[in-house]
Amino acid sequence: MDLGNGGDTETIRNKKEERHMKLSDINARIVGACAAGSLLGGLAVATIAAPSAMATPAGCSASELSGTVSSATGSAQAYLASHPGANAAVTTAFSQPRDQAASTLRAYFTANPGEYQDLRGILSPIGDKQSQCNVAVLPPDLASAYSQFMAG
């Protein structure tokens, strides 16, 4: 029984904390899905694109390609976790149609060029590996978004 000692305030605070935790969980799932999709797509493409072990250039094995993608996406996740504005823009863009998502990201990163340069640097090893190994390491939908982001 509540005798006016703040029980309602505590209930409201608990509900706000639950909602915040759910949103954080959703953000983590979105970024995790992107990372997992990138990693699995990279493994599949790397396996298909490497017909024989003898033809694989140094540094271009499936494990090295997936390691690069995993490292870059992990660093991007950590960066977004510590930059709430960038995280919000990426999270919003993830749920939008492609053209609208591109516009959302362009608007945010045009207003925050330092964060754009930071993320470009974090993600650049993916493009470096693609060039070095002459193979696509991302699934087509992510490859398109990656290319557009890296082009500015």
N, C-alpha and C. Protein backbone atom coordinates (compact mmCIF):
# COMPACT_ATOMS: atom_id res chain seq x y z
N MET A 1 0.85 -1.17 0.00
CA MET A 1 0.00 0.00 0.00
C MET A 1 0.90 1.23 0.00
N ASP A 2 0.60 2.18 -0.94
CA ASP A 2 1.38 3.41 -1.06
C ASP A 2 0.75 4.49 -0.21
N LEU A 3 1.52 5.03 0.71
CA LEU A 3 1.04 6.07 1.60
C LEU A 3 1.58 7.44 1.18
N GLY A 4 1.83 7.60 -0.12
CA GLY A 4 2.31 8.89 -0.61
C GLY A 4 3.79 9.08 -0.40
N ASN A 5 4.54 8.00 -0.29
CA ASN A 5 5.97 8.13 -0.02
C ASN A 5 6.83 8.01 -1.28
N GLY A 6 6.23 8.28 -2.44
CA GLY A 6 7.04 8.29 -3.65
C GLY A 6 6.98 6.99 -4.44
N GLY A 7 6.08 6.11 -4.13
CA GLY A 7 5.98 4.85 -4.86
C GLY A 7 5.69 5.07 -6.34
N ASP A 8 4.82 6.05 -6.64
CA ASP A 8 4.50 6.34 -8.04
C ASP A 8 5.73 6.87 -8.77
N THR A 9 6.51 7.69 -8.11
CA THR A 9 7.74 8.22 -8.72
C THR A 9 8.70 7.09 -9.02
N GLU A 10 8.82 6.15 -8.10
CA GLU A 10 9.71 5.00 -8.30
C GLU A 10 9.23 4.15 -9.47
N THR A 11 7.93 3.95 -9.59
CA THR A 11 7.37 3.18 -10.70
C THR A 11 7.67 3.85 -12.03
N ILE A 12 7.49 5.15 -12.09
CA ILE A 12 7.77 5.90 -13.33
C ILE A 12 9.26 5.79 -13.67
N ARG A 13 10.13 5.95 -12.69
CA ARG A 13 11.57 5.86 -12.92
C ARG A 13 11.93 4.47 -13.44
N ASN A 14 11.34 3.42 -12.85
CA ASN A 14 11.62 2.05 -13.29
C ASN A 14 11.16 1.84 -14.73
N LYS A 15 10.00 2.38 -15.09
CA LYS A 15 9.51 2.23 -16.46
C LYS A 15 10.42 2.96 -17.44
N LYS A 16 10.90 4.14 -17.07
CA LYS A 16 11.83 4.88 -17.94
C LYS A 16 13.13 4.10 -18.13
N GLU A 17 13.63 3.51 -17.04
CA GLU A 17 14.85 2.71 -17.14
C GLU A 17 14.63 1.49 -18.02
N GLU A 18 13.48 0.83 -17.90
CA GLU A 18 13.17 -0.32 -18.74
C GLU A 18 13.13 0.08 -20.20
N ARG A 19 12.48 1.22 -20.51
CA ARG A 19 12.38 1.69 -21.88
C ARG A 19 13.76 2.01 -22.43
N HIS A 20 14.60 2.67 -21.63
CA HIS A 20 15.96 3.01 -22.06
C HIS A 20 16.76 1.73 -22.33
N MET A 21 16.62 0.73 -21.44
CA MET A 21 17.34 -0.52 -21.63
C MET A 21 16.86 -1.23 -22.89
N LYS A 22 15.55 -1.16 -23.18
CA LYS A 22 15.03 -1.79 -24.39
C LYS A 22 15.59 -1.10 -25.63
N LEU A 23 15.63 0.24 -25.63
CA LEU A 23 16.18 0.97 -26.77
C LEU A 23 17.66 0.66 -26.94
N SER A 24 18.41 0.59 -25.84
CA SER A 24 19.82 0.24 -25.92
C SER A 24 19.99 -1.16 -26.48
N ASP A 25 19.13 -2.07 -26.06
CA ASP A 25 19.18 -3.44 -26.55
C ASP A 25 18.88 -3.48 -28.04
N ILE A 26 17.90 -2.69 -28.49
CA ILE A 26 17.56 -2.64 -29.91
C ILE A 26 18.74 -2.10 -30.70
N ASN A 27 19.37 -1.01 -30.22
CA ASN A 27 20.54 -0.46 -30.91
C ASN A 27 21.65 -1.49 -31.00
N ALA A 28 21.89 -2.20 -29.91
CA ALA A 28 22.94 -3.22 -29.92
C ALA A 28 22.61 -4.32 -30.91
N ARG A 29 21.34 -4.70 -30.99
CA ARG A 29 20.94 -5.74 -31.94
C ARG A 29 21.13 -5.28 -33.37
N ILE A 30 20.78 -4.02 -33.65
CA ILE A 30 20.93 -3.50 -35.01
C ILE A 30 22.40 -3.52 -35.42
N VAL A 31 23.25 -2.97 -34.57
CA VAL A 31 24.68 -2.93 -34.89
C VAL A 31 25.23 -4.36 -34.96
N GLY A 32 24.79 -5.21 -34.05
CA GLY A 32 25.23 -6.60 -34.07
C GLY A 32 24.79 -7.32 -35.33
N ALA A 33 23.57 -7.05 -35.78
CA ALA A 33 23.08 -7.67 -37.02
C ALA A 33 23.91 -7.21 -38.21
N CYS A 34 24.24 -5.92 -38.24
CA CYS A 34 25.09 -5.41 -39.32
C CYS A 34 26.46 -6.09 -39.29
N ALA A 35 27.02 -6.20 -38.10
CA ALA A 35 28.34 -6.81 -37.98
C ALA A 35 28.29 -8.29 -38.36
N ALA A 36 27.27 -9.00 -37.87
CA ALA A 36 27.15 -10.41 -38.20
C ALA A 36 26.91 -10.60 -39.69
N GLY A 37 26.05 -9.77 -40.27
CA GLY A 37 25.80 -9.86 -41.70
C GLY A 37 27.05 -9.58 -42.50
N SER A 38 27.81 -8.60 -42.08
CA SER A 38 29.06 -8.28 -42.76
C SER A 38 30.04 -9.44 -42.66
N LEU A 39 30.17 -9.98 -41.48
CA LEU A 39 31.11 -11.06 -41.26
C LEU A 39 30.72 -12.30 -42.06
N LEU A 40 29.46 -12.71 -41.96
CA LEU A 40 29.02 -13.89 -42.69
C LEU A 40 29.05 -13.67 -44.19
N GLY A 41 28.63 -12.49 -44.62
CA GLY A 41 28.70 -12.17 -46.05
C GLY A 41 30.13 -12.17 -46.53
N GLY A 42 31.02 -11.62 -45.75
CA GLY A 42 32.44 -11.60 -46.11
C GLY A 42 33.01 -12.99 -46.21
N LEU A 43 32.64 -13.86 -45.28
CA LEU A 43 33.11 -15.24 -45.34
C LEU A 43 32.60 -15.94 -46.59
N ALA A 44 31.31 -15.75 -46.88
CA ALA A 44 30.73 -16.41 -48.05
C ALA A 44 31.38 -15.91 -49.34
N VAL A 45 31.50 -14.61 -49.47
CA VAL A 45 32.10 -14.04 -50.68
C VAL A 45 33.56 -14.45 -50.78
N ALA A 46 34.27 -14.40 -49.68
CA ALA A 46 35.69 -14.77 -49.70
C ALA A 46 35.87 -16.23 -50.09
N THR A 47 34.99 -17.08 -49.61
CA THR A 47 35.08 -18.49 -49.94
C THR A 47 34.77 -18.72 -51.41
N ILE A 48 33.76 -18.05 -51.93
CA ILE A 48 33.39 -18.19 -53.34
C ILE A 48 34.47 -17.59 -54.23
N ALA A 49 34.99 -16.45 -53.84
CA ALA A 49 35.95 -15.72 -54.68
C ALA A 49 37.34 -16.34 -54.67
N ALA A 50 37.63 -17.21 -53.74
CA ALA A 50 38.95 -17.82 -53.67
C ALA A 50 38.87 -19.27 -54.14
N PRO A 51 38.99 -19.51 -55.46
CA PRO A 51 38.79 -20.85 -55.99
C PRO A 51 39.82 -21.86 -55.51
N SER A 52 41.03 -21.41 -55.23
CA SER A 52 42.01 -22.36 -54.72
C SER A 52 42.94 -21.66 -53.75
N ALA A 53 43.48 -22.43 -52.85
CA ALA A 53 44.39 -21.86 -51.87
C ALA A 53 45.65 -21.33 -52.55
N MET A 54 46.05 -21.92 -53.63
CA MET A 54 47.26 -21.50 -54.33
C MET A 54 47.08 -20.13 -54.97
N ALA A 55 45.85 -19.77 -55.37
CA ALA A 55 45.61 -18.51 -56.06
C ALA A 55 45.37 -17.35 -55.09
N THR A 56 45.28 -17.63 -53.82
CA THR A 56 44.97 -16.60 -52.83
C THR A 56 46.22 -15.79 -52.50
N PRO A 57 46.17 -14.47 -52.75
CA PRO A 57 47.33 -13.63 -52.39
C PRO A 57 47.53 -13.61 -50.87
N ALA A 58 48.73 -13.29 -50.46
CA ALA A 58 49.05 -13.20 -49.03
C ALA A 58 48.13 -12.18 -48.37
N GLY A 59 47.60 -12.55 -47.22
CA GLY A 59 46.72 -11.66 -46.47
C GLY A 59 45.28 -11.70 -46.93
N CYS A 60 44.96 -12.63 -47.84
CA CYS A 60 43.61 -12.66 -48.42
C CYS A 60 42.86 -13.96 -48.16
N SER A 61 43.26 -14.71 -47.16
CA SER A 61 42.52 -15.92 -46.84
C SER A 61 41.16 -15.54 -46.26
N ALA A 62 40.26 -16.49 -46.25
CA ALA A 62 38.92 -16.23 -45.72
C ALA A 62 39.00 -15.75 -44.27
N SER A 63 39.89 -16.36 -43.49
CA SER A 63 39.98 -15.95 -42.08
C SER A 63 40.54 -14.54 -41.94
N GLU A 64 41.48 -14.16 -42.80
CA GLU A 64 42.04 -12.81 -42.72
C GLU A 64 41.01 -11.76 -43.18
N LEU A 65 40.25 -12.10 -44.22
CA LEU A 65 39.21 -11.18 -44.69
C LEU A 65 38.14 -10.99 -43.62
N SER A 66 37.67 -12.10 -43.06
CA SER A 66 36.62 -11.98 -42.03
C SER A 66 37.17 -11.30 -40.78
N GLY A 67 38.43 -11.51 -40.47
CA GLY A 67 39.04 -10.83 -39.33
C GLY A 67 39.08 -9.33 -39.52
N THR A 68 39.39 -8.89 -40.74
CA THR A 68 39.41 -7.46 -41.03
C THR A 68 38.02 -6.86 -40.88
N VAL A 69 37.02 -7.54 -41.46
CA VAL A 69 35.64 -7.04 -41.36
C VAL A 69 35.19 -7.02 -39.91
N SER A 70 35.50 -8.09 -39.18
CA SER A 70 35.10 -8.17 -37.78
C SER A 70 35.77 -7.08 -36.94
N SER A 71 37.04 -6.85 -37.17
CA SER A 71 37.76 -5.82 -36.42
C SER A 71 37.20 -4.43 -36.72
N ALA A 72 36.97 -4.15 -38.00
CA ALA A 72 36.46 -2.83 -38.39
C ALA A 72 35.05 -2.60 -37.84
N THR A 73 34.19 -3.61 -37.95
CA THR A 73 32.83 -3.42 -37.44
C THR A 73 32.82 -3.34 -35.92
N GLY A 74 33.69 -4.09 -35.26
CA GLY A 74 33.79 -3.99 -33.80
C GLY A 74 34.24 -2.60 -33.36
N SER A 75 35.22 -2.06 -34.07
CA SER A 75 35.69 -0.70 -33.76
C SER A 75 34.60 0.33 -34.04
N ALA A 76 33.84 0.12 -35.12
CA ALA A 76 32.74 1.03 -35.45
C ALA A 76 31.66 0.97 -34.37
N GLN A 77 31.36 -0.23 -33.88
CA GLN A 77 30.38 -0.37 -32.80
C GLN A 77 30.84 0.38 -31.56
N ALA A 78 32.10 0.23 -31.20
CA ALA A 78 32.63 0.91 -30.02
C ALA A 78 32.58 2.43 -30.22
N TYR A 79 32.91 2.88 -31.40
CA TYR A 79 32.89 4.32 -31.69
C TYR A 79 31.47 4.86 -31.56
N LEU A 80 30.51 4.15 -32.19
CA LEU A 80 29.12 4.61 -32.12
C LEU A 80 28.60 4.60 -30.68
N ALA A 81 29.01 3.63 -29.90
CA ALA A 81 28.57 3.56 -28.51
C ALA A 81 29.05 4.77 -27.71
N SER A 82 30.18 5.34 -28.11
CA SER A 82 30.71 6.49 -27.38
C SER A 82 30.37 7.83 -28.04
N HIS A 83 29.62 7.79 -29.14
CA HIS A 83 29.20 9.01 -29.84
C HIS A 83 27.69 8.92 -30.09
N PRO A 84 26.88 9.31 -29.11
CA PRO A 84 25.43 9.12 -29.18
C PRO A 84 24.77 9.76 -30.40
N GLY A 85 25.25 10.90 -30.84
CA GLY A 85 24.65 11.55 -32.01
C GLY A 85 24.85 10.71 -33.26
N ALA A 86 26.06 10.23 -33.46
CA ALA A 86 26.35 9.37 -34.62
C ALA A 86 25.56 8.07 -34.51
N ASN A 87 25.50 7.51 -33.31
CA ASN A 87 24.76 6.27 -33.09
C ASN A 87 23.28 6.46 -33.43
N ALA A 88 22.71 7.59 -33.01
CA ALA A 88 21.30 7.87 -33.31
C ALA A 88 21.08 8.02 -34.81
N ALA A 89 21.99 8.69 -35.50
CA ALA A 89 21.84 8.88 -36.95
C ALA A 89 21.92 7.54 -37.68
N VAL A 90 22.89 6.70 -37.30
CA VAL A 90 23.04 5.39 -37.94
C VAL A 90 21.84 4.50 -37.63
N THR A 91 21.38 4.53 -36.38
CA THR A 91 20.22 3.72 -35.99
C THR A 91 18.98 4.15 -36.76
N THR A 92 18.77 5.45 -36.89
CA THR A 92 17.63 5.97 -37.66
C THR A 92 17.75 5.55 -39.12
N ALA A 93 18.93 5.71 -39.70
CA ALA A 93 19.14 5.37 -41.11
C ALA A 93 18.90 3.89 -41.37
N PHE A 94 19.24 3.06 -40.40
CA PHE A 94 19.09 1.61 -40.58
C PHE A 94 17.64 1.21 -40.84
N SER A 95 16.69 1.97 -40.31
CA SER A 95 15.27 1.62 -40.46
C SER A 95 14.59 2.37 -41.61
N GLN A 96 15.36 3.14 -42.38
CA GLN A 96 14.78 3.95 -43.45
C GLN A 96 15.06 3.34 -44.82
N PRO A 97 14.25 3.73 -45.82
CA PRO A 97 14.56 3.34 -47.20
C PRO A 97 15.94 3.90 -47.58
N ARG A 98 16.59 3.27 -48.53
CA ARG A 98 17.98 3.61 -48.89
C ARG A 98 18.21 5.09 -49.14
N ASP A 99 17.37 5.73 -49.98
CA ASP A 99 17.57 7.15 -50.30
C ASP A 99 17.45 8.03 -49.06
N GLN A 100 16.44 7.73 -48.25
CA GLN A 100 16.23 8.52 -47.03
C GLN A 100 17.37 8.27 -46.03
N ALA A 101 17.83 7.03 -45.95
CA ALA A 101 18.94 6.71 -45.05
C ALA A 101 20.20 7.47 -45.46
N ALA A 102 20.47 7.49 -46.76
CA ALA A 102 21.64 8.22 -47.26
C ALA A 102 21.54 9.70 -46.91
N SER A 103 20.34 10.24 -47.04
CA SER A 103 20.12 11.65 -46.72
C SER A 103 20.32 11.92 -45.22
N THR A 104 19.81 11.02 -44.39
CA THR A 104 19.96 11.15 -42.94
C THR A 104 21.44 11.15 -42.55
N LEU A 105 22.18 10.19 -43.09
CA LEU A 105 23.61 10.10 -42.76
C LEU A 105 24.39 11.28 -43.32
N ARG A 106 24.07 11.67 -44.54
CA ARG A 106 24.77 12.81 -45.15
C ARG A 106 24.56 14.07 -44.31
N ALA A 107 23.32 14.30 -43.88
CA ALA A 107 23.01 15.50 -43.08
C ALA A 107 23.78 15.47 -41.76
N TYR A 108 23.78 14.33 -41.08
CA TYR A 108 24.46 14.25 -39.79
C TYR A 108 25.96 14.44 -39.95
N PHE A 109 26.55 13.69 -40.87
CA PHE A 109 28.01 13.72 -40.98
C PHE A 109 28.53 14.98 -41.67
N THR A 110 27.69 15.67 -42.43
CA THR A 110 28.08 16.98 -42.96
C THR A 110 28.18 17.98 -41.82
N ALA A 111 27.26 17.86 -40.87
CA ALA A 111 27.28 18.75 -39.70
C ALA A 111 28.36 18.34 -38.69
N ASN A 112 28.87 17.12 -38.80
CA ASN A 112 29.87 16.60 -37.86
C ASN A 112 31.02 15.95 -38.63
N PRO A 113 31.79 16.75 -39.37
CA PRO A 113 32.83 16.19 -40.24
C PRO A 113 33.92 15.42 -39.50
N GLY A 114 34.20 15.78 -38.26
CA GLY A 114 35.21 15.05 -37.50
C GLY A 114 34.79 13.61 -37.26
N GLU A 115 33.51 13.42 -36.93
CA GLU A 115 33.01 12.06 -36.70
C GLU A 115 32.99 11.27 -38.01
N TYR A 116 32.67 11.95 -39.11
CA TYR A 116 32.70 11.29 -40.42
C TYR A 116 34.12 10.80 -40.72
N GLN A 117 35.11 11.66 -40.52
CA GLN A 117 36.50 11.27 -40.78
C GLN A 117 36.93 10.13 -39.86
N ASP A 118 36.50 10.18 -38.61
CA ASP A 118 36.83 9.10 -37.67
C ASP A 118 36.29 7.76 -38.18
N LEU A 119 35.00 7.74 -38.54
CA LEU A 119 34.39 6.49 -39.00
C LEU A 119 34.98 6.03 -40.33
N ARG A 120 35.28 6.95 -41.22
CA ARG A 120 35.94 6.57 -42.48
C ARG A 120 37.26 5.86 -42.18
N GLY A 121 38.01 6.41 -41.25
CA GLY A 121 39.28 5.78 -40.87
C GLY A 121 39.09 4.41 -40.26
N ILE A 122 38.08 4.28 -39.43
CA ILE A 122 37.79 2.99 -38.79
C ILE A 122 37.38 1.95 -39.82
N LEU A 123 36.58 2.35 -40.81
CA LEU A 123 36.06 1.41 -41.80
C LEU A 123 36.98 1.20 -43.01
N SER A 124 38.00 2.04 -43.16
CA SER A 124 38.85 1.95 -44.35
C SER A 124 39.57 0.61 -44.54
N PRO A 125 39.92 -0.13 -43.48
CA PRO A 125 40.56 -1.43 -43.73
C PRO A 125 39.70 -2.38 -44.57
N ILE A 126 38.39 -2.23 -44.52
CA ILE A 126 37.52 -3.08 -45.35
C ILE A 126 37.81 -2.80 -46.82
N GLY A 127 37.81 -1.53 -47.21
CA GLY A 127 38.11 -1.17 -48.60
C GLY A 127 39.53 -1.54 -48.99
N ASP A 128 40.47 -1.37 -48.06
CA ASP A 128 41.86 -1.74 -48.34
C ASP A 128 41.96 -3.23 -48.66
N LYS A 129 41.28 -4.06 -47.89
CA LYS A 129 41.30 -5.52 -48.11
C LYS A 129 40.64 -5.86 -49.44
N GLN A 130 39.53 -5.19 -49.74
CA GLN A 130 38.85 -5.46 -51.01
C GLN A 130 39.79 -5.16 -52.18
N SER A 131 40.50 -4.04 -52.11
CA SER A 131 41.43 -3.68 -53.19
C SER A 131 42.62 -4.64 -53.24
N GLN A 132 43.19 -4.93 -52.08
CA GLN A 132 44.35 -5.81 -52.01
C GLN A 132 44.04 -7.20 -52.56
N CYS A 133 42.86 -7.71 -52.22
CA CYS A 133 42.52 -9.09 -52.55
C CYS A 133 41.63 -9.21 -53.78
N ASN A 134 41.19 -8.07 -54.32
CA ASN A 134 40.30 -8.05 -55.49
C ASN A 134 39.06 -8.92 -55.25
N VAL A 135 38.43 -8.69 -54.10
CA VAL A 135 37.25 -9.46 -53.72
C VAL A 135 36.32 -8.56 -52.92
N ALA A 136 35.03 -8.78 -53.07
CA ALA A 136 34.04 -8.06 -52.26
C ALA A 136 33.92 -8.79 -50.94
N VAL A 137 34.03 -8.07 -49.83
CA VAL A 137 33.95 -8.72 -48.52
C VAL A 137 32.63 -8.43 -47.81
N LEU A 138 31.78 -7.62 -48.44
CA LEU A 138 30.48 -7.29 -47.85
C LEU A 138 29.37 -7.77 -48.79
N PRO A 139 28.21 -8.12 -48.24
CA PRO A 139 27.06 -8.45 -49.08
C PRO A 139 26.68 -7.23 -49.92
N PRO A 140 26.05 -7.44 -51.09
CA PRO A 140 25.77 -6.33 -52.01
C PRO A 140 25.08 -5.12 -51.39
N ASP A 141 24.07 -5.33 -50.53
CA ASP A 141 23.37 -4.17 -49.96
C ASP A 141 24.28 -3.37 -49.03
N LEU A 142 25.10 -4.05 -48.25
CA LEU A 142 26.04 -3.34 -47.38
C LEU A 142 27.20 -2.76 -48.17
N ALA A 143 27.61 -3.45 -49.24
CA ALA A 143 28.71 -2.94 -50.07
C ALA A 143 28.33 -1.62 -50.70
N SER A 144 27.09 -1.51 -51.15
CA SER A 144 26.61 -0.27 -51.75
C SER A 144 26.60 0.86 -50.72
N ALA A 145 26.08 0.59 -49.54
CA ALA A 145 26.04 1.60 -48.48
C ALA A 145 27.46 1.98 -48.05
N TYR A 146 28.34 0.99 -47.96
CA TYR A 146 29.73 1.25 -47.58
C TYR A 146 30.40 2.17 -48.62
N SER A 147 30.25 1.83 -49.89
CA SER A 147 30.86 2.63 -50.96
C SER A 147 30.35 4.06 -50.94
N GLN A 148 29.06 4.21 -50.76
CA GLN A 148 28.46 5.54 -50.72
C GLN A 148 28.98 6.33 -49.52
N PHE A 149 29.08 5.70 -48.37
CA PHE A 149 29.58 6.37 -47.18
C PHE A 149 31.05 6.78 -47.35
N MET A 150 31.85 5.87 -47.87
CA MET A 150 33.28 6.15 -48.01
C MET A 150 33.54 7.23 -49.06
N ALA A 151 32.66 7.33 -50.05
CA ALA A 151 32.82 8.34 -51.11
C ALA A 151 32.49 9.73 -50.61
N GLY A 152 31.76 9.80 -49.53
CA GLY A 152 31.41 11.10 -48.95
C GLY A 152 30.10 11.52 -49.43
